[in-house]
């Protein structure tokens, strides 16, 4: 046990990438434990040989194609017509567009860098201060990995051996709650600041905006509807949605050029290469942790010290919120899943609920300084300093934390829909 932790932390302190430090720790355990060194590449290969994990690169590819096919502008235009007449209309449209785009990309960074670019420019042009525009964009981007599809949920499901379809279904209600709570806060801010709003749209304007965005809006319907109907698995849904996105870009909207495809494929490989390297080396390290009985030892100790499931979830929430401030979400997930999920199981906590709590905590971490990746992306898009972005986001964390508290205290918010659809 000490060999794993010692080598791991030493490698991290020396500045090695996380996947390299996990691989070295696994080799140290194998060498000192007298195992054959071949076991590490075998465990890495076994982790890569995963059908559910194939969904990850496909969802990333789909999001990249959608971002390059002019679909974001159509989505934001439709959202603006729907809710732009409310006080602070573009703020509401920002959140609604994130909800729609969440059903396509599954990534907070893709939302902030894709739709967010358009949203911030539109809000600045209409007189909104740039800090407010950037903060709302960053906060609403966290909805992306909660409403399915979701790259973090794919990684969690594979790592914790939890149904990815169940996690996807469990994210729908919390994701919509995040949107509602953010819009309620926008309504209060808009009232106090007397923010502008658009004229109430005519039926013709609504129809025109919907017609322009119709095929884009069908993406989450096809993806989610197919999974709920049992037509295809989450992995197959990712493949179907990717082909559909290509058809939209090439033949329907014609904003996508075939010569753009190599660049998009390279971007997808770069993103998923990092994710898969982390997942595969984490699987080897998880085997080492299991062989050294760290989860089996730590789990009962946590149960003995904490004693109550609700208190355990409170401790987990605080831990993950703190970790999320200093560590990238997927990395934190891969490190902590083997340690915390056995303890949650001993408390009898539903694995679907625990998965959503895990993912939402770390998504909030993407918009908290000092290492919030979405904050970096949004501050760059908005053209403001990271310090200004960090100050602006603070009030908008309140609605997100409120939803986290709700799904912690009331499990049916995450478990009702999976039980209804999947019967589990």
Protein backbone atom coordinates (compact mmCIF):
# COMPACT_ATOMS: atom_id res chain seq x y z
CA UNK A 1 0.00 0.00 0.00
CA UNK A 2 2.76 2.45 0.94
CA UNK A 3 4.64 1.62 -2.27
CA UNK A 4 1.63 2.62 -4.38
CA UNK A 5 0.96 5.87 -2.56
CA UNK A 6 4.64 6.79 -2.20
CA UNK A 7 5.50 6.35 -5.89
CA UNK A 8 2.24 7.94 -6.97
CA UNK A 9 2.67 11.14 -4.96
CA UNK A 10 6.40 11.35 -5.73
CA UNK A 11 5.65 11.17 -9.46
CA UNK A 12 2.97 13.85 -9.12
CA UNK A 13 5.35 16.13 -7.21
CA UNK A 14 7.95 15.68 -9.96
CA UNK A 15 5.39 17.02 -12.44
CA UNK A 16 4.64 13.82 -14.35
CA UNK A 17 1.23 13.59 -16.07
CA UNK A 18 -1.40 11.87 -13.97
CA UNK A 19 -1.65 8.82 -16.22
CA UNK A 20 2.15 8.35 -16.07
CA UNK A 21 2.18 8.65 -12.27
CA UNK A 22 -0.61 6.06 -11.97
CA UNK A 23 1.22 3.71 -14.33
CA UNK A 24 4.48 4.04 -12.38
CA UNK A 25 2.64 3.40 -9.10
CA UNK A 26 1.10 0.25 -10.58
CA UNK A 27 4.50 -1.00 -11.74
CA UNK A 28 6.01 -0.25 -8.30
CA UNK A 29 3.32 -2.34 -6.62
CA UNK A 30 3.75 -5.20 -9.08
CA UNK A 31 7.55 -5.18 -8.74
CA UNK A 32 7.58 -5.01 -4.93
CA UNK A 33 4.72 -7.48 -4.61
CA UNK A 34 6.45 -10.14 -6.67
CA UNK A 35 3.88 -10.16 -9.47
CA UNK A 36 4.84 -10.56 -13.11
CA UNK A 37 5.27 -7.10 -14.75
CA UNK A 38 3.06 -8.22 -17.65
CA UNK A 39 0.00 -7.81 -15.43
CA UNK A 40 0.04 -4.01 -15.79
CA UNK A 41 -0.26 -3.88 -19.61
CA UNK A 42 -2.82 -6.69 -19.39
CA UNK A 43 -5.02 -4.65 -17.04
CA UNK A 44 -4.55 -1.57 -19.24
CA UNK A 45 -5.61 -3.56 -22.32
CA UNK A 46 -8.61 -5.03 -20.49
CA UNK A 47 -9.77 -1.52 -19.58
CA UNK A 48 -9.50 -0.41 -23.21
CA UNK A 49 -11.47 -3.46 -24.39
CA UNK A 50 -14.75 -1.97 -23.19
CA UNK A 51 -17.84 -1.53 -25.38
CA UNK A 52 -19.42 1.12 -23.08
CA UNK A 53 -16.18 3.13 -23.13
CA UNK A 54 -16.48 3.40 -26.92
CA UNK A 55 -19.26 5.93 -26.32
CA UNK A 56 -16.73 8.48 -25.04
CA UNK A 57 -14.89 9.26 -28.32
CA UNK A 58 -18.15 9.10 -30.26
CA UNK A 59 -19.87 11.67 -28.04
CA UNK A 60 -16.81 13.93 -28.23
CA UNK A 61 -16.76 13.59 -32.04
CA UNK A 62 -20.47 14.38 -32.22
CA UNK A 63 -20.04 17.52 -30.11
CA UNK A 64 -17.13 18.71 -32.25
CA UNK A 65 -19.13 18.18 -35.45
CA UNK A 66 -22.14 20.06 -34.03
CA UNK A 67 -19.91 22.96 -32.99
CA UNK A 68 -18.47 23.16 -36.51
CA UNK A 69 -21.77 22.81 -38.37
CA UNK A 70 -23.37 26.14 -37.43
CA UNK A 71 -25.87 24.44 -35.14
CA UNK A 72 -25.06 26.51 -32.06
CA UNK A 73 -26.33 29.73 -33.67
CA UNK A 74 -29.64 28.08 -34.57
CA UNK A 75 -30.08 26.73 -31.05
CA UNK A 76 -29.35 30.08 -29.42
CA UNK A 77 -31.71 31.83 -31.85
CA UNK A 78 -34.52 29.45 -30.97
CA UNK A 79 -33.86 29.82 -27.22
CA UNK A 80 -33.89 33.62 -27.55
CA UNK A 81 -37.29 33.60 -29.25
CA UNK A 82 -38.69 31.27 -26.59
CA UNK A 83 -37.57 33.16 -23.45
CA UNK A 84 -36.07 36.44 -24.68
CA UNK A 85 -39.26 38.30 -23.78
CA UNK A 86 -38.60 37.72 -20.07
CA UNK A 87 -36.74 40.36 -18.07
CA UNK A 88 -33.06 39.62 -18.66
CA UNK A 89 -34.09 37.64 -21.73
CA UNK A 90 -30.65 36.80 -23.09
CA UNK A 91 -29.62 35.44 -19.68
CA UNK A 92 -32.59 33.07 -19.78
CA UNK A 93 -31.82 32.21 -23.42
CA UNK A 94 -28.24 31.45 -22.41
CA UNK A 95 -29.44 28.86 -19.89
CA UNK A 96 -32.07 27.33 -22.19
CA UNK A 97 -29.53 27.02 -25.01
CA UNK A 98 -27.20 25.19 -22.61
CA UNK A 99 -29.98 22.75 -21.73
CA UNK A 100 -30.61 22.02 -25.41
CA UNK A 101 -26.91 21.76 -26.25
CA UNK A 102 -26.40 19.51 -23.20
CA UNK A 103 -28.55 16.93 -24.97
CA UNK A 104 -25.98 16.88 -27.77
CA UNK A 105 -22.46 17.46 -26.46
CA UNK A 106 -22.26 16.13 -22.89
CA UNK A 107 -19.33 18.41 -22.11
CA UNK A 108 -19.15 21.61 -20.05
CA UNK A 109 -16.06 22.80 -21.94
CA UNK A 110 -17.77 22.23 -25.32
CA UNK A 111 -20.77 24.24 -24.13
CA UNK A 112 -18.66 27.12 -22.80
CA UNK A 113 -16.42 27.23 -25.87
CA UNK A 114 -19.15 26.56 -28.45
CA UNK A 115 -22.53 28.09 -27.59
CA UNK A 116 -20.81 30.28 -24.98
CA UNK A 117 -18.86 32.22 -27.60
CA UNK A 118 -22.09 33.20 -29.34
CA UNK A 119 -23.98 33.88 -26.10
CA UNK A 120 -21.37 36.20 -24.57
CA UNK A 121 -21.04 38.22 -27.78
CA UNK A 122 -24.82 38.63 -28.07
CA UNK A 123 -25.13 39.71 -24.43
CA UNK A 124 -22.27 42.22 -24.72
CA UNK A 125 -23.82 43.67 -27.88
CA UNK A 126 -27.09 44.17 -26.02
CA UNK A 127 -25.47 46.05 -23.13
CA UNK A 128 -25.01 43.35 -20.50
CA UNK A 129 -21.83 43.69 -18.49
CA UNK A 130 -19.30 41.12 -19.59
CA UNK A 131 -18.77 39.63 -16.11
CA UNK A 132 -22.47 38.75 -15.78
CA UNK A 133 -22.55 37.31 -19.29
CA UNK A 134 -19.46 35.19 -18.63
CA UNK A 135 -20.63 34.01 -15.19
CA UNK A 136 -24.04 32.85 -16.45
CA UNK A 137 -22.39 31.13 -19.41
CA UNK A 138 -19.96 29.27 -17.13
CA UNK A 139 -22.65 28.29 -14.60
CA UNK A 140 -25.06 27.04 -17.27
CA UNK A 141 -22.26 25.08 -18.98
CA UNK A 142 -22.16 22.74 -15.97
CA UNK A 143 -25.56 21.43 -17.09
CA UNK A 144 -23.83 19.85 -20.12
CA UNK A 145 -22.41 16.77 -18.35
CA UNK A 146 -25.53 16.25 -16.21
CA UNK A 147 -28.22 16.02 -18.90
CA UNK A 148 -27.41 13.03 -21.14
CA UNK A 149 -25.27 12.29 -23.01
CA UNK A 150 -22.39 12.80 -20.59
CA UNK A 151 -18.71 11.96 -20.96
CA UNK A 152 -18.08 12.01 -17.16
CA UNK A 153 -21.00 9.62 -16.63
CA UNK A 154 -19.57 7.22 -19.21
CA UNK A 155 -16.24 7.28 -17.37
CA UNK A 156 -17.96 6.89 -13.98
CA UNK A 157 -20.13 4.03 -15.22
CA UNK A 158 -17.16 2.14 -16.64
CA UNK A 159 -14.95 2.76 -13.59
CA UNK A 160 -17.60 2.00 -10.94
CA UNK A 161 -19.40 -0.73 -12.93
CA UNK A 162 -22.70 1.18 -12.86
CA UNK A 163 -25.28 1.21 -15.66
CA UNK A 164 -24.46 4.09 -18.03
CA UNK A 165 -28.05 4.11 -19.26
CA UNK A 166 -29.22 4.42 -15.64
CA UNK A 167 -26.83 7.29 -14.99
CA UNK A 168 -28.01 9.06 -18.14
CA UNK A 169 -31.65 8.78 -17.06
CA UNK A 170 -30.77 9.88 -13.53
CA UNK A 171 -29.24 13.10 -14.85
CA UNK A 172 -32.38 14.42 -16.54
CA UNK A 173 -34.24 15.76 -13.48
CA UNK A 174 -31.17 17.26 -11.73
CA UNK A 175 -30.10 18.88 -15.02
CA UNK A 176 -33.50 20.51 -15.48
CA UNK A 177 -33.49 21.57 -11.82
CA UNK A 178 -30.12 23.28 -12.39
CA UNK A 179 -31.65 25.22 -15.27
CA UNK A 180 -34.73 26.20 -13.25
CA UNK A 181 -32.73 27.39 -10.23
CA UNK A 182 -30.36 29.40 -12.44
CA UNK A 183 -33.32 31.01 -14.22
CA UNK A 184 -34.94 31.87 -10.88
CA UNK A 185 -31.75 33.63 -9.86
CA UNK A 186 -31.63 35.41 -13.22
CA UNK A 187 -35.21 36.60 -12.63
CA UNK A 188 -34.22 38.12 -9.28
CA UNK A 189 -31.05 39.76 -10.66
CA UNK A 190 -32.94 41.05 -13.70
CA UNK A 191 -35.62 42.61 -11.50
CA UNK A 192 -33.05 44.39 -9.33
CA UNK A 193 -30.91 45.60 -12.23
CA UNK A 194 -33.83 46.24 -14.61
CA UNK A 195 -32.15 44.18 -17.33
CA UNK A 196 -33.50 44.47 -20.90
CA UNK A 197 -35.89 42.10 -22.58
CA UNK A 198 -37.10 41.47 -26.12
CA UNK A 199 -40.64 42.07 -27.39
CA UNK A 200 -43.03 39.17 -27.03
CA UNK A 201 -42.61 37.05 -30.19
CA UNK A 202 -45.32 36.47 -32.74
CA UNK A 203 -46.28 32.94 -33.72
CA UNK A 204 -44.58 33.53 -37.05
CA UNK A 205 -41.28 34.40 -35.33
CA UNK A 206 -41.50 31.32 -33.10
CA UNK A 207 -42.24 29.09 -36.08
CA UNK A 208 -39.39 30.57 -38.13
CA UNK A 209 -36.88 30.09 -35.30
CA UNK A 210 -38.10 26.55 -34.70
CA UNK A 211 -37.96 25.66 -38.40
CA UNK A 212 -34.35 26.87 -38.62
CA UNK A 213 -33.39 24.77 -35.58
CA UNK A 214 -35.76 21.81 -36.09
CA UNK A 215 -33.27 19.18 -37.21
CA UNK A 216 -30.75 20.27 -34.59
CA UNK A 217 -33.42 20.00 -31.89
CA UNK A 218 -34.13 16.45 -33.03
CA UNK A 219 -30.63 15.33 -32.00
CA UNK A 220 -31.38 14.85 -28.28
CA UNK A 221 -34.82 13.46 -29.15
CA UNK A 222 -33.30 10.75 -31.35
CA UNK A 223 -30.48 10.05 -28.92
CA UNK A 224 -32.46 9.97 -25.69
CA UNK A 225 -35.67 8.62 -27.19
CA UNK A 226 -33.82 5.72 -28.77
CA UNK A 227 -32.21 4.79 -25.46
CA UNK A 228 -35.48 5.06 -23.51
CA UNK A 229 -37.29 2.96 -26.11
CA UNK A 230 -34.60 0.30 -25.91
CA UNK A 231 -33.73 0.67 -29.60
CA UNK A 232 -30.04 1.12 -28.87
CA UNK A 233 -27.56 1.22 -26.01
CA UNK A 234 -25.76 4.44 -24.96
CA UNK A 235 -22.76 3.39 -27.07
CA UNK A 236 -24.91 2.69 -30.12
CA UNK A 237 -26.74 5.97 -29.48
CA UNK A 238 -23.42 7.81 -29.65
CA UNK A 239 -22.70 6.25 -33.04
CA UNK A 240 -26.17 7.04 -34.39
CA UNK A 241 -25.99 10.64 -33.13
CA UNK A 242 -22.54 11.13 -34.68
CA UNK A 243 -23.78 10.00 -38.10
CA UNK A 244 -26.85 12.21 -37.68
CA UNK A 245 -24.65 15.22 -36.84
CA UNK A 246 -22.58 14.57 -39.98
CA UNK A 247 -25.72 14.40 -42.13
CA UNK A 248 -26.98 17.68 -40.63
CA UNK A 249 -23.70 19.47 -41.23
CA UNK A 250 -23.04 18.14 -44.74
CA UNK A 251 -26.46 17.84 -46.34
CA UNK A 252 -29.11 19.70 -44.31
CA UNK A 253 -27.50 22.94 -43.07
CA UNK A 254 -24.45 22.67 -45.37
CA UNK A 255 -22.34 24.74 -42.97
CA UNK A 256 -19.90 21.86 -42.57
CA UNK A 257 -17.23 21.04 -45.14
CA UNK A 258 -15.76 17.60 -45.65
CA UNK A 259 -12.29 19.16 -45.57
CA UNK A 260 -12.99 20.12 -41.92
CA UNK A 261 -13.37 16.47 -40.94
CA UNK A 262 -9.65 15.62 -40.55
CA UNK A 263 -9.18 18.57 -38.19
CA UNK A 264 -12.22 17.55 -36.14
CA UNK A 265 -11.05 13.93 -35.99
CA UNK A 266 -7.62 15.07 -34.75
CA UNK A 267 -9.25 17.26 -32.07
CA UNK A 268 -11.41 14.31 -31.01
CA UNK A 269 -8.42 11.97 -30.84
CA UNK A 270 -6.49 14.50 -28.74
CA UNK A 271 -9.36 14.84 -26.27
CA UNK A 272 -10.28 11.18 -26.02
CA UNK A 273 -6.64 10.10 -26.02
CA UNK A 274 -6.11 11.90 -22.74
CA UNK A 275 -9.35 10.51 -21.30
CA UNK A 276 -8.61 6.93 -22.35
CA UNK A 277 -5.02 7.10 -21.09
CA UNK A 278 -6.36 8.14 -17.70
CA UNK A 279 -9.09 5.49 -17.66
CA UNK A 280 -6.76 2.65 -18.69
CA UNK A 281 -3.93 3.42 -16.27
CA UNK A 282 -6.50 4.07 -13.53
CA UNK A 283 -7.86 0.55 -14.13
CA UNK A 284 -4.39 -0.92 -13.59
CA UNK A 285 -3.93 1.17 -10.45
CA UNK A 286 -7.40 0.20 -9.21
CA UNK A 287 -6.42 -3.47 -9.52
CA UNK A 288 -3.31 -2.76 -7.44
CA UNK A 289 -5.38 -0.94 -4.83
CA UNK A 290 -7.78 -3.86 -4.71
CA UNK A 291 -4.96 -6.38 -4.32
CA UNK A 292 -3.51 -4.31 -1.48
CA UNK A 293 -7.02 -4.19 0.03
CA UNK A 294 -7.04 -0.40 0.37
CA UNK A 295 -10.75 -0.03 -0.58
CA UNK A 296 -11.66 -2.97 1.65
CA UNK A 297 -9.72 -1.39 4.53
CA UNK A 298 -10.70 2.26 4.04
CA UNK A 299 -14.40 1.50 3.44
CA UNK A 300 -15.13 -0.12 6.82
CA UNK A 301 -13.04 2.54 8.58
CA UNK A 302 -15.14 5.30 6.99
CA UNK A 303 -18.32 3.42 7.92
CA UNK A 304 -17.09 2.98 11.48
CA UNK A 305 -16.09 6.62 11.93
CA UNK A 306 -19.02 8.28 10.15
CA UNK A 307 -21.75 5.80 11.03
CA UNK A 308 -24.65 7.50 9.21
CA UNK A 309 -25.33 7.46 5.43
CA UNK A 310 -26.44 11.09 5.32
CA UNK A 311 -23.37 12.23 7.26
CA UNK A 312 -21.22 10.15 4.88
CA UNK A 313 -22.76 11.94 1.87
CA UNK A 314 -22.11 15.29 3.55
CA UNK A 315 -18.45 14.35 4.03
CA UNK A 316 -18.23 13.17 0.40
CA UNK A 317 -19.79 16.41 -0.85
CA UNK A 318 -17.31 18.55 1.09
CA UNK A 319 -14.39 16.36 -0.01
CA UNK A 320 -15.35 16.42 -3.68
CA UNK A 321 -16.05 20.16 -3.71
CA UNK A 322 -12.60 20.81 -2.24
CA UNK A 323 -10.89 18.32 -4.57
CA UNK A 324 -12.74 19.83 -7.54
CA UNK A 325 -11.18 23.19 -6.78
CA UNK A 326 -7.68 21.78 -7.28
CA UNK A 327 -7.97 18.82 -9.64
CA UNK A 328 -9.44 18.17 -13.09
CA UNK A 329 -12.78 16.35 -12.84
CA UNK A 330 -11.96 13.09 -14.65
CA UNK A 331 -8.67 12.74 -12.81
CA UNK A 332 -10.37 13.22 -9.43
CA UNK A 333 -13.06 10.76 -10.43
CA UNK A 334 -10.61 8.02 -11.38
CA UNK A 335 -8.61 8.46 -8.18
CA UNK A 336 -11.53 8.56 -5.75
CA UNK A 337 -14.02 6.11 -7.26
CA UNK A 338 -12.19 2.96 -6.04
CA UNK A 339 -12.01 4.40 -2.52
CA UNK A 340 -15.44 5.98 -2.04
CA UNK A 341 -17.82 3.70 -3.94
CA UNK A 342 -17.20 0.61 -1.73
CA UNK A 343 -17.97 2.74 1.35
CA UNK A 344 -21.15 4.06 -0.29
CA UNK A 345 -22.20 0.48 -1.04
CA UNK A 346 -21.70 -0.51 2.60
CA UNK A 347 -23.99 2.34 3.64
CA UNK A 348 -26.63 1.02 1.21
CA UNK A 349 -26.57 4.20 -0.90
CA UNK A 350 -28.03 3.71 -4.37
CA UNK A 351 -25.11 3.57 -6.84
CA UNK A 352 -27.05 5.70 -9.35
CA UNK A 353 -27.66 8.44 -6.77
CA UNK A 354 -24.04 8.29 -5.64
CA UNK A 355 -22.87 8.55 -9.24
CA UNK A 356 -24.90 11.72 -9.82
CA UNK A 357 -23.66 13.24 -6.56
CA UNK A 358 -20.10 12.40 -7.61
CA UNK A 359 -20.43 13.90 -11.10
CA UNK A 360 -22.32 17.04 -10.03
CA UNK A 361 -19.77 17.84 -7.32
CA UNK A 362 -16.90 17.65 -9.78
CA UNK A 363 -18.80 19.63 -12.43
CA UNK A 364 -19.24 22.42 -9.88
CA UNK A 365 -15.48 22.12 -9.46
CA UNK A 366 -15.03 23.10 -13.11
CA UNK A 367 -16.37 26.59 -12.28
CA UNK A 368 -14.53 27.11 -9.00
CA UNK A 369 -11.04 28.63 -8.75
CA UNK A 370 -8.14 28.05 -8.79
CA UNK A 371 -8.24 25.20 -11.34
CA UNK A 372 -11.73 25.49 -12.83
CA UNK A 373 -11.25 24.58 -16.48
CA UNK A 374 -14.60 26.09 -17.54
CA UNK A 375 -13.60 29.36 -15.84
CA UNK A 376 -10.43 29.46 -17.94
CA UNK A 377 -12.34 28.79 -21.16
CA UNK A 378 -15.07 31.33 -20.39
CA UNK A 379 -12.68 34.07 -19.26
CA UNK A 380 -10.74 33.63 -22.50
CA UNK A 381 -13.92 33.76 -24.61
CA UNK A 382 -15.19 36.83 -22.71
CA UNK A 383 -11.81 38.59 -22.77
CA UNK A 384 -11.65 39.17 -19.01
CA UNK A 385 -9.07 38.17 -16.42
CA UNK A 386 -9.36 34.88 -14.57
CA UNK A 387 -9.55 36.82 -11.28
CA UNK A 388 -12.55 38.84 -12.50
CA UNK A 389 -14.17 35.64 -13.76
CA UNK A 390 -13.62 33.96 -10.38
CA UNK A 391 -15.33 36.81 -8.53
CA UNK A 392 -18.23 36.97 -10.97
CA UNK A 393 -19.07 33.25 -10.73
CA UNK A 394 -19.44 33.14 -6.93
CA UNK A 395 -23.15 34.15 -6.64
CA UNK A 396 -24.05 31.71 -9.43
CA UNK A 397 -22.68 28.78 -7.47
CA UNK A 398 -25.63 29.09 -5.06
CA UNK A 399 -28.26 27.56 -7.43
CA UNK A 400 -25.88 24.72 -8.35
CA UNK A 401 -25.17 23.94 -4.69
CA UNK A 402 -28.91 24.03 -3.97
CA UNK A 403 -29.48 21.27 -6.52
CA UNK A 404 -26.57 19.28 -5.04
CA UNK A 405 -28.20 19.50 -1.61
CA UNK A 406 -31.55 18.44 -3.10
CA UNK A 407 -30.25 15.28 -4.80
CA UNK A 408 -28.29 14.40 -1.65
CA UNK A 409 -31.27 14.68 0.68
CA UNK A 410 -33.94 13.27 -1.66
CA UNK A 411 -32.76 10.19 -3.63
CA UNK A 412 -35.90 9.94 -5.86
CA UNK A 413 -34.67 13.01 -7.78
CA UNK A 414 -32.02 10.72 -9.25
CA UNK A 415 -33.49 7.23 -8.88
CA UNK A 416 -37.16 7.66 -9.91
CA UNK A 417 -36.64 7.95 -13.68
CA UNK A 418 -34.17 5.03 -14.00
CA UNK A 419 -36.54 2.82 -11.98
CA UNK A 420 -39.50 3.92 -14.12
CA UNK A 421 -37.77 3.26 -17.44
CA UNK A 422 -35.31 0.48 -16.64
CA UNK A 423 -37.13 -1.10 -13.72
CA UNK A 424 -34.10 -0.84 -11.42
